[in-house]
Each structure stands twice: as C-alpha cells, then as structure tokens.
Amino acid sequence: MTPDKTPLALYVHWPFCVSKCPYCDFNSHVRDTVDQAAWRDALLADLAHEAAQLPGRTLGSVFFGGGTPSLMPPATVAAILDAAQTYWPPEPDVEITLEANPSSVEAVRFADLAAAGVNRASLGLQALDDAALRFLGRAHDVKEGLGALDVAQATFARVSIDLICARPDQTLAAWQAELARALAFGTEHLSLYQLTIEPGTRFATEAAKGRLTLPDGDDAADLFEATRQMTAAAGLPAYETSNHARLGAESRHNLTYWRYRDYAGIGPGAHGRRGGMATQRRRKPENWLAAVARNRHGIEAETCLTPHERATEALVMGLRLREGVDLAHVAALAGGQAPVVDSAVDRLVAQGMAVRDGERLRITEAGALLLDAILPLVVADEAAA
C-alpha cells in the first residue's frame, strides 16, 4: 500500500467539563481541580510520541475536542500548536478548530484562543429554546448562547454551530422555525444531529424507565428531510450525513476522517489512524496521565488493521459524504478489490438510492435517509470479499 502523504490531521482531547450532559457518551469528566501544568506537559509528551511515528508530513488541521476544550488555558493551546507546527510544517491554510460551550465565561477566552492560533470555533448551542436547553442539561440559556456566538463571529475567521433536533415532543413546525433562525445567523457551517439514546447516559436510564420517548421513525424522517431541504435552499447543503456548509467551508479536519486519511490523536481516549495502524489512548484521565508519566505516551492499544478492515472503514466513512467514496482508494487499501457487493449496488442504483460513476460510488439524497440500512448491504464481509 502506498504510504499516505496527504496533510496530517491532529486531534487533541481535553476531557474535562463543568457538568455532564445527560445525552453525552463522549469521554468527558467533571473534576474539582485540574493541574494545568501537568496536563500541558503530558499533552506535549503525547504529541512528541506521535510526531516521532509520523515524520515527513505537513499539518493540514488541528481539532481540540472534548470534553470542553474552551476550558483549556490559552497558553496550553498555544504550546500544543507551536509544538505541532514544529514537528509538521503547516499547510498555508491550516485549519485549527476548538469546540466551545457558548457561555459568557468561556467567551471571555475567545480572543486569547484566537491569539494562540485557533481560527475556527465549533460552538455547542444545541438548541434555541430555553426549555430544551434545560432538558439537555446545558448550563447556558438562549440569550447567553447568542451572546457567545456574537463574540465568536467577531473573533474567529470561521464559526460552526451545533444543534440537536428530534427532541421529545418536538414538532416539525417547531424545528423548522428553530432551524430558520439558526440559518439567519450567517455561520458558514452547521452540525445538525438527531438526539439519540446512548448506552450508559442518564437519558438511557430515563428511557429504560419509560420516562423519555423520542420521535418515532416517520417523524424523525420528516425532520431529516426538512433539514436537508432547508439547508440546501439556504446555500449550506449537507456534505455529510449531519454536517452542512457553504461551498469551501466544510470541516477539513473531519473530511480527513471521512476520506480515510491519516490522523494523530492525543489525550485521554483519543483514537488515531497512521499507516494502517489504529491507535487508542487510555480513556480515564488519571490513567492516561499516569501512562504518560511512565511511558511518555498515553497509548493503551496499537492494532495493525488488516487490508479488509481498512477498506471496510474507508467505505463506511466515505459513503457518509455527499461526494461519495473513491473505490480506487478503497481497493488500494484492500490490496486488490474494494469489498463492495456489486449486486446490492446495482439494485440501489436502479432504485435511485445510489450512483456509481466509474470509480466513485455515492449515496443519493433519496438514499441518505436510509444510510444505516444501506451500509450492511453494500459492504462485503471478509469471506465474500
């Protein structure tokens, strides 16, 4: 397999939050105190280890995720960016994103974060309704969130906002009004997710007790279709299942994942892909910190993926994109033929659910709603590949 020499993406995980949202299954933790100097040094050590494994690359993007990375000291953000761009020369248009909660306390840090090098903010508004925000366990209200959005738009070159729909009792008309308001803010990118019940969350407990019910399949489908129609009409069409952007404003970092290129992941629970190797850091913050102190990295597991595993991951990720997937790239990962069930693809094409154009396979708008059902049909298992 030809080594990946495309610009590298770096993911940095900051695991701490002020509180745990009831729907969240991300690796986030609430701690009374954080030794900021120790965490900065540990993240830099973890980064140095990854840099040694990935020499000779350029840096295309950095993404600070969490947790709540807007709680990171700007000096820590600056130190990580300085080190990363020393190890890997940055591309001229390097994209540096930081996830932020839209609170007035964190908005005060935005100018310092921009000075540290952040040029794109991903703001977790999540809802434009105070009752919904309380239900979602968010610490901000709509007024405070929109104030933080104003500061972000005045501070960062690029801004994305997150919203959650398909909330209990949410009507189609209510979501359309909320989305229309969000589109009027003028941000270049929106991440629009349907609420799901994730195992181990407080919402999962509530659902198991019958105290929480989400919209049924038909209602959820109506919300999905309305979202696609409204964002497209506003000039921010879906370029991925849940992500919408103006042309050229797509998240270059996330495109690295979906196009199945190399990315380094540092910090607790972070995953990475480098040269056919899957990396995973220790998840619990204290365990990760101890591992870095002991080994100078926080890796819990490194797994050499088989050609079929790499090709399958590339297919599953790439078919989420409006542009689809390059089957020649997938075949190269597989070391031969792409693991695609041709008969299933032919049926989907005949039904208007997919388009196959030479070496490119993509799911149509009609098929996007059924993507979760389509993927098992299209992707061949190892025995059939």
Protein backbone atom coordinates (compact mmCIF):
# COMPACT_ATOMS: atom_id res chain seq x y z
CA MET A 1 0.00 0.00 0.00
CA THR A 2 1.34 3.46 -0.92
CA PRO A 3 2.16 5.49 2.21
CA ASP A 4 -0.32 8.28 2.96
CA LYS A 5 1.42 11.60 2.29
CA THR A 6 -1.66 13.82 2.41
CA PRO A 7 -1.68 16.61 5.01
CA LEU A 8 -1.99 15.18 8.50
CA ALA A 9 -4.86 15.90 10.90
CA LEU A 10 -4.21 16.19 14.64
CA TYR A 11 -6.93 15.60 17.24
CA VAL A 12 -6.35 16.82 20.81
CA HIS A 13 -8.76 15.61 23.51
CA TRP A 14 -9.43 17.71 26.58
CA PRO A 15 -11.62 15.52 28.83
CA PHE A 16 -12.95 17.98 31.38
CA CYS A 17 -16.39 19.58 31.62
CA VAL A 18 -18.15 21.77 34.16
CA SER A 19 -21.01 19.23 34.21
CA LYS A 20 -22.00 16.06 32.36
CA CYS A 21 -24.87 16.43 29.87
CA PRO A 22 -27.49 13.68 30.16
CA TYR A 23 -27.25 12.68 26.48
CA CYS A 24 -23.45 12.66 26.25
CA ASP A 25 -21.45 9.45 25.90
CA PHE A 26 -18.21 11.22 24.97
CA ASN A 27 -15.12 10.80 27.12
CA SER A 28 -15.89 13.75 29.40
CA HIS A 29 -15.35 14.04 33.13
CA VAL A 30 -16.06 16.51 35.91
CA ARG A 31 -13.17 17.25 38.26
CA ASP A 32 -12.94 19.78 41.09
CA THR A 33 -9.37 20.73 40.19
CA VAL A 34 -7.05 20.20 37.26
CA ASP A 35 -3.26 20.50 37.48
CA GLN A 36 -2.89 22.63 34.38
CA ALA A 37 0.91 22.48 34.22
CA ALA A 38 0.91 18.69 34.48
CA TRP A 39 -1.71 18.40 31.76
CA ARG A 40 0.14 20.72 29.42
CA ASP A 41 3.37 18.76 29.85
CA ALA A 42 1.59 15.43 29.37
CA LEU A 43 -0.18 16.53 26.19
CA LEU A 44 3.13 17.78 24.80
CA ALA A 45 4.79 14.44 25.61
CA ASP A 46 1.95 12.50 23.97
CA LEU A 47 2.24 14.75 20.92
CA ALA A 48 6.00 14.23 20.71
CA HIS A 49 5.46 10.47 20.63
CA GLU A 50 3.02 10.71 17.72
CA ALA A 51 5.29 13.08 15.85
CA ALA A 52 8.12 10.53 16.06
CA GLN A 53 5.84 7.94 14.40
CA LEU A 54 4.77 10.30 11.59
CA PRO A 55 7.84 12.06 10.22
CA GLY A 56 7.96 13.98 6.98
CA ARG A 57 4.33 15.12 6.97
CA THR A 58 2.67 18.50 6.73
CA LEU A 59 -0.11 19.62 9.07
CA GLY A 60 -3.50 20.22 7.47
CA SER A 61 -5.72 20.61 10.52
CA VAL A 62 -5.89 20.53 14.30
CA PHE A 63 -9.08 19.87 16.25
CA PHE A 64 -9.39 20.45 20.00
CA GLY A 65 -12.34 18.32 21.15
CA GLY A 66 -13.71 17.08 24.41
CA GLY A 67 -14.99 17.45 26.97
CA THR A 68 -14.92 21.23 26.85
CA PRO A 69 -11.65 22.41 25.32
CA SER A 70 -12.66 26.07 25.66
CA LEU A 71 -11.84 25.49 29.35
CA MET A 72 -8.20 24.88 28.39
CA PRO A 73 -5.80 27.68 29.28
CA PRO A 74 -4.98 29.54 26.04
CA ALA A 75 -1.30 29.14 26.90
CA THR A 76 -1.72 25.35 26.73
CA VAL A 77 -3.44 25.63 23.35
CA ALA A 78 -0.60 27.85 22.12
CA ALA A 79 2.07 25.43 23.39
CA ILE A 80 0.44 22.47 21.62
CA LEU A 81 0.06 24.38 18.37
CA ASP A 82 3.64 25.65 18.49
CA ALA A 83 4.94 22.12 19.04
CA ALA A 84 2.72 20.57 16.37
CA GLN A 85 3.78 23.10 13.76
CA THR A 86 7.41 22.49 14.67
CA TYR A 87 7.04 18.75 14.08
CA TRP A 88 4.94 19.13 10.92
CA PRO A 89 5.18 22.25 8.72
CA PRO A 90 1.65 23.68 8.50
CA GLU A 91 -0.21 23.96 5.24
CA PRO A 92 -0.77 27.61 4.21
CA ASP A 93 -4.48 27.28 5.02
CA VAL A 94 -4.12 25.08 8.12
CA GLU A 95 -7.46 24.76 9.89
CA ILE A 96 -7.37 24.96 13.69
CA THR A 97 -10.72 24.25 15.35
CA LEU A 98 -11.67 24.38 19.01
CA GLU A 99 -15.00 23.19 20.41
CA ALA A 100 -16.54 25.72 22.78
CA ASN A 101 -19.51 25.97 25.06
CA PRO A 102 -21.48 29.17 24.42
CA SER A 103 -21.20 30.61 27.91
CA SER A 104 -20.19 34.16 28.72
CA VAL A 105 -17.40 32.84 30.97
CA GLU A 106 -15.79 30.91 28.11
CA ALA A 107 -16.45 33.65 25.54
CA VAL A 108 -14.10 35.86 27.52
CA ARG A 109 -11.28 33.49 26.46
CA PHE A 110 -12.07 33.61 22.74
CA ALA A 111 -9.68 36.47 21.94
CA ASP A 112 -6.81 34.73 23.74
CA LEU A 113 -7.61 31.44 21.99
CA ALA A 114 -7.55 33.22 18.63
CA ALA A 115 -4.22 34.79 19.54
CA ALA A 116 -2.95 31.28 20.36
CA GLY A 117 -3.70 30.23 16.78
CA VAL A 118 -7.31 28.96 16.76
CA ASN A 119 -9.02 30.12 13.57
CA ARG A 120 -12.26 28.13 13.69
CA ALA A 121 -14.73 27.73 16.56
CA SER A 122 -17.32 24.97 16.85
CA LEU A 123 -19.97 26.34 19.19
CA GLY A 124 -22.29 23.95 21.01
CA LEU A 125 -25.51 25.97 21.05
CA GLN A 126 -27.54 22.70 20.87
CA ALA A 127 -30.95 24.43 20.97
CA LEU A 128 -32.57 27.84 20.58
CA ASP A 129 -35.21 27.21 23.21
CA ASP A 130 -34.63 27.67 26.93
CA ALA A 131 -36.81 24.75 27.98
CA ALA A 132 -34.97 22.47 25.55
CA LEU A 133 -31.60 23.66 26.87
CA ARG A 134 -32.67 22.82 30.42
CA PHE A 135 -33.84 19.39 29.25
CA LEU A 136 -30.48 18.82 27.54
CA GLY A 137 -28.63 19.76 30.72
CA ARG A 138 -26.93 22.77 29.19
CA ALA A 139 -25.54 25.46 31.50
CA HIS A 140 -26.37 28.37 29.18
CA ASP A 141 -29.68 29.88 28.09
CA VAL A 142 -30.50 31.18 24.62
CA LYS A 143 -29.55 34.78 25.41
CA GLU A 144 -26.15 33.81 26.78
CA GLY A 145 -25.55 31.41 23.88
CA LEU A 146 -26.30 34.02 21.26
CA GLY A 147 -24.06 36.50 23.06
CA ALA A 148 -21.21 33.98 22.87
CA LEU A 149 -21.99 33.42 19.18
CA ASP A 150 -21.66 37.15 18.54
CA VAL A 151 -18.26 37.15 20.25
CA ALA A 152 -17.15 34.07 18.28
CA GLN A 153 -18.19 35.57 14.95
CA ALA A 154 -16.30 38.76 15.76
CA THR A 155 -13.20 36.84 16.88
CA PHE A 156 -12.66 33.79 14.68
CA ALA A 157 -12.32 33.61 10.91
CA ARG A 158 -14.68 30.63 10.77
CA VAL A 159 -17.57 29.55 13.02
CA SER A 160 -19.72 26.42 13.13
CA ILE A 161 -22.71 25.81 15.38
CA ASP A 162 -24.20 22.55 16.70
CA LEU A 163 -27.92 21.96 17.15
CA ILE A 164 -29.84 18.88 18.33
CA CYS A 165 -33.25 18.04 16.92
CA ALA A 166 -35.70 15.12 17.28
CA ARG A 167 -36.17 16.03 20.92
CA PRO A 168 -39.19 14.64 22.80
CA ASP A 169 -42.44 16.31 21.68
CA GLN A 170 -40.62 18.49 19.14
CA THR A 171 -42.88 19.14 16.17
CA LEU A 172 -41.78 19.55 12.59
CA ALA A 173 -43.00 23.15 12.54
CA ALA A 174 -41.07 23.98 15.72
CA TRP A 175 -37.85 22.53 14.31
CA GLN A 176 -38.32 24.37 11.01
CA ALA A 177 -38.70 27.65 12.89
CA GLU A 178 -35.64 26.93 15.04
CA LEU A 179 -33.53 25.95 12.05
CA ALA A 180 -34.65 29.02 10.08
CA ARG A 181 -33.49 31.18 12.98
CA ALA A 182 -30.14 29.39 13.08
CA LEU A 183 -29.62 29.80 9.34
CA ALA A 184 -30.18 33.54 9.71
CA PHE A 185 -27.10 33.85 11.96
CA GLY A 186 -24.89 33.59 8.88
CA THR A 187 -22.42 30.97 10.09
CA GLU A 188 -20.69 29.03 7.34
CA HIS A 189 -21.19 25.58 8.87
CA LEU A 190 -23.87 23.76 10.88
CA SER A 191 -23.69 20.36 12.56
CA LEU A 192 -27.29 19.19 12.97
CA TYR A 193 -27.80 15.98 14.92
CA GLN A 194 -30.87 14.00 15.84
CA LEU A 195 -31.00 13.15 19.53
CA THR A 196 -30.12 9.52 20.17
CA ILE A 197 -30.17 7.50 23.37
CA GLU A 198 -26.63 6.31 24.06
CA PRO A 199 -25.90 3.44 26.49
CA GLY A 200 -24.59 4.49 29.86
CA THR A 201 -26.05 8.00 29.77
CA ARG A 202 -28.66 9.46 32.10
CA PHE A 203 -31.07 9.65 29.18
CA ALA A 204 -30.63 5.88 28.67
CA THR A 205 -31.70 5.34 32.27
CA GLU A 206 -34.69 7.61 31.80
CA ALA A 207 -35.68 5.84 28.58
CA ALA A 208 -35.42 2.42 30.23
CA LYS A 209 -37.85 3.60 32.90
CA GLY A 210 -40.29 4.85 30.28
CA ARG A 211 -39.78 8.49 31.21
CA LEU A 212 -38.21 9.54 27.91
CA THR A 213 -39.55 8.89 24.42
CA LEU A 214 -38.07 10.23 21.19
CA PRO A 215 -39.97 10.89 17.95
CA ASP A 216 -40.81 7.72 16.02
CA GLY A 217 -39.17 6.73 12.75
CA ASP A 218 -41.61 8.56 10.49
CA ASP A 219 -41.39 11.80 12.47
CA ALA A 220 -37.59 11.56 12.59
CA ALA A 221 -37.54 11.04 8.82
CA ASP A 222 -39.66 14.16 8.33
CA LEU A 223 -37.21 16.16 10.45
CA PHE A 224 -34.25 14.79 8.48
CA GLU A 225 -35.79 15.61 5.11
CA ALA A 226 -36.86 19.09 6.18
CA THR A 227 -33.35 19.77 7.47
CA ARG A 228 -31.77 18.78 4.14
CA GLN A 229 -34.24 20.87 2.16
CA MET A 230 -33.88 24.00 4.28
CA THR A 231 -30.10 23.95 4.48
CA ALA A 232 -29.77 23.36 0.75
CA ALA A 233 -32.13 26.25 0.00
CA ALA A 234 -30.05 28.49 2.27
CA GLY A 235 -26.81 27.61 0.46
CA LEU A 236 -25.48 25.24 3.15
CA PRO A 237 -26.25 21.79 1.71
CA ALA A 238 -25.40 18.59 3.55
CA TYR A 239 -21.90 17.46 2.60
CA GLU A 240 -22.05 14.65 5.17
CA THR A 241 -24.94 12.93 6.93
CA SER A 242 -25.22 15.52 9.73
CA ASN A 243 -22.98 18.35 8.53
CA HIS A 244 -23.92 21.28 6.33
CA ALA A 245 -21.71 24.03 4.91
CA ARG A 246 -21.26 26.70 2.32
CA LEU A 247 -19.09 25.61 -0.59
CA GLY A 248 -15.48 25.61 0.59
CA ALA A 249 -16.43 25.89 4.29
CA GLU A 250 -16.54 22.17 5.00
CA SER A 251 -14.60 20.98 8.05
CA ARG A 252 -11.26 19.96 6.54
CA HIS A 253 -10.38 18.10 9.73
CA ASN A 254 -13.48 15.93 9.65
CA LEU A 255 -13.06 15.37 5.92
CA THR A 256 -9.75 13.71 6.80
CA TYR A 257 -11.70 11.13 8.82
CA TRP A 258 -14.41 10.62 6.21
CA ARG A 259 -11.90 10.35 3.35
CA TYR A 260 -9.93 7.89 5.48
CA ARG A 261 -6.59 9.64 5.65
CA ASP A 262 -4.05 9.55 8.47
CA TYR A 263 -4.77 11.41 11.68
CA ALA A 264 -2.99 11.51 15.01
CA GLY A 265 -4.98 11.50 18.24
CA ILE A 266 -3.59 12.57 21.61
CA GLY A 267 -5.14 12.98 25.05
CA PRO A 268 -7.40 10.65 27.05
CA GLY A 269 -9.45 8.27 24.92
CA ALA A 270 -8.23 9.73 21.63
CA HIS A 271 -8.17 7.45 18.58
CA GLY A 272 -5.86 7.71 15.60
CA ARG A 273 -5.05 6.11 12.27
CA ARG A 274 -1.49 6.08 10.97
CA GLY A 275 -0.04 3.88 8.27
CA GLY A 276 -2.67 1.17 8.70
CA MET A 277 -2.33 1.22 12.49
CA ALA A 278 -5.24 2.02 14.80
CA THR A 279 -4.19 3.79 17.99
CA GLN A 280 -6.21 4.28 21.14
CA ARG A 281 -5.23 6.26 24.24
CA ARG A 282 -6.21 5.33 27.78
CA ARG A 283 -9.66 6.68 28.47
CA LYS A 284 -9.77 7.70 32.13
CA PRO A 285 -7.90 10.99 32.65
CA GLU A 286 -5.91 9.78 35.66
CA ASN A 287 -4.90 6.55 33.91
CA TRP A 288 -3.81 8.43 30.80
CA LEU A 289 -1.79 10.89 32.88
CA ALA A 290 -0.06 8.05 34.73
CA ALA A 291 0.71 6.26 31.46
CA VAL A 292 2.32 9.37 30.01
CA ALA A 293 4.41 9.80 33.15
CA ARG A 294 5.51 6.16 32.86
CA ASN A 295 5.89 5.73 29.09
CA ARG A 296 5.99 9.28 27.65
CA HIS A 297 2.76 8.49 25.80
CA GLY A 298 -0.81 7.57 26.73
CA ILE A 299 -1.35 4.69 24.29
CA GLU A 300 -3.41 1.78 25.55
CA ALA A 301 -3.56 -0.19 22.29
CA GLU A 302 -2.00 -0.18 18.84
CA THR A 303 -3.64 -2.52 16.37
CA CYS A 304 -2.40 -3.33 12.90
CA LEU A 305 -5.57 -3.32 10.79
CA THR A 306 -5.96 -5.91 8.06
CA PRO A 307 -6.37 -4.70 4.47
CA HIS A 308 -10.05 -5.70 4.62
CA GLU A 309 -10.58 -3.76 7.86
CA ARG A 310 -9.00 -0.65 6.39
CA ALA A 311 -11.04 -0.91 3.21
CA THR A 312 -14.26 -1.50 5.14
CA GLU A 313 -13.64 1.50 7.38
CA ALA A 314 -12.97 3.64 4.32
CA LEU A 315 -16.22 2.53 2.68
CA VAL A 316 -18.35 3.11 5.76
CA MET A 317 -16.86 6.54 6.36
CA GLY A 318 -16.81 7.64 2.73
CA LEU A 319 -20.41 6.76 1.98
CA ARG A 320 -21.48 9.30 4.59
CA LEU A 321 -20.23 12.02 2.27
CA ARG A 322 -22.27 13.65 -0.46
CA GLU A 323 -19.22 13.26 -2.74
CA GLY A 324 -19.19 9.53 -2.01
CA VAL A 325 -16.16 7.30 -1.91
CA ASP A 326 -13.28 6.70 -4.30
CA LEU A 327 -13.35 2.96 -4.92
CA ALA A 328 -9.82 3.02 -6.32
CA HIS A 329 -8.59 4.33 -2.98
CA VAL A 330 -10.60 1.65 -1.18
CA ALA A 331 -9.21 -1.06 -3.49
CA ALA A 332 -5.67 0.12 -2.76
CA LEU A 333 -6.35 -0.19 0.97
CA ALA A 334 -7.76 -3.69 0.40
CA GLY A 335 -4.71 -4.71 -1.59
CA GLY A 336 -6.87 -5.75 -4.51
CA GLN A 337 -10.61 -5.31 -4.98
CA ALA A 338 -12.82 -2.98 -2.98
CA PRO A 339 -15.12 -5.01 -0.67
CA VAL A 340 -18.32 -3.92 -2.38
CA VAL A 341 -21.35 -6.13 -3.05
CA ASP A 342 -21.89 -5.25 -6.70
CA SER A 343 -25.35 -6.81 -6.90
CA ALA A 344 -26.54 -4.69 -3.96
CA VAL A 345 -25.07 -1.56 -5.53
CA ASP A 346 -26.82 -2.35 -8.82
CA ARG A 347 -30.17 -2.66 -7.01
CA LEU A 348 -29.62 0.62 -5.16
CA VAL A 349 -28.70 2.38 -8.39
CA ALA A 350 -31.87 1.04 -10.06
CA GLN A 351 -33.92 2.31 -7.08
CA GLY A 352 -32.35 5.77 -7.21
CA MET A 353 -30.61 5.27 -3.87
CA ALA A 354 -27.04 5.31 -5.19
CA VAL A 355 -24.98 6.46 -8.16
CA ARG A 356 -21.89 4.71 -9.47
CA ASP A 357 -19.76 6.82 -11.79
CA GLY A 358 -16.57 4.99 -12.77
CA GLU A 359 -14.54 4.60 -9.59
CA ARG A 360 -16.83 6.78 -7.47
CA LEU A 361 -19.79 5.46 -5.52
CA ARG A 362 -22.14 7.79 -3.70
CA ILE A 363 -25.47 7.65 -1.94
CA THR A 364 -28.19 9.94 -3.34
CA GLU A 365 -30.49 12.25 -1.39
CA ALA A 366 -33.15 9.55 -1.56
CA GLY A 367 -30.74 7.03 -0.06
CA ALA A 368 -29.27 9.30 2.61
CA LEU A 369 -32.24 8.78 4.90
CA LEU A 370 -31.68 5.01 4.76
CA LEU A 371 -27.90 5.03 5.03
CA ASP A 372 -27.78 2.89 8.18
CA ALA A 373 -29.76 0.18 6.38
CA ILE A 374 -27.82 0.54 3.12
CA LEU A 375 -24.31 0.11 4.52
CA PRO A 376 -24.66 -3.55 5.60
CA LEU A 377 -26.00 -4.37 2.14
CA VAL A 378 -23.19 -2.68 0.23
CA VAL A 379 -20.12 -3.61 2.29
CA ALA A 380 -18.96 -7.19 1.72
CA ASP A 381 -17.80 -9.24 4.68
CA GLU A 382 -14.29 -10.64 4.59
CA ALA A 383 -15.37 -14.09 3.43
CA ALA A 384 -17.19 -12.63 0.43
CA ALA A 385 -14.57 -10.02 -0.44
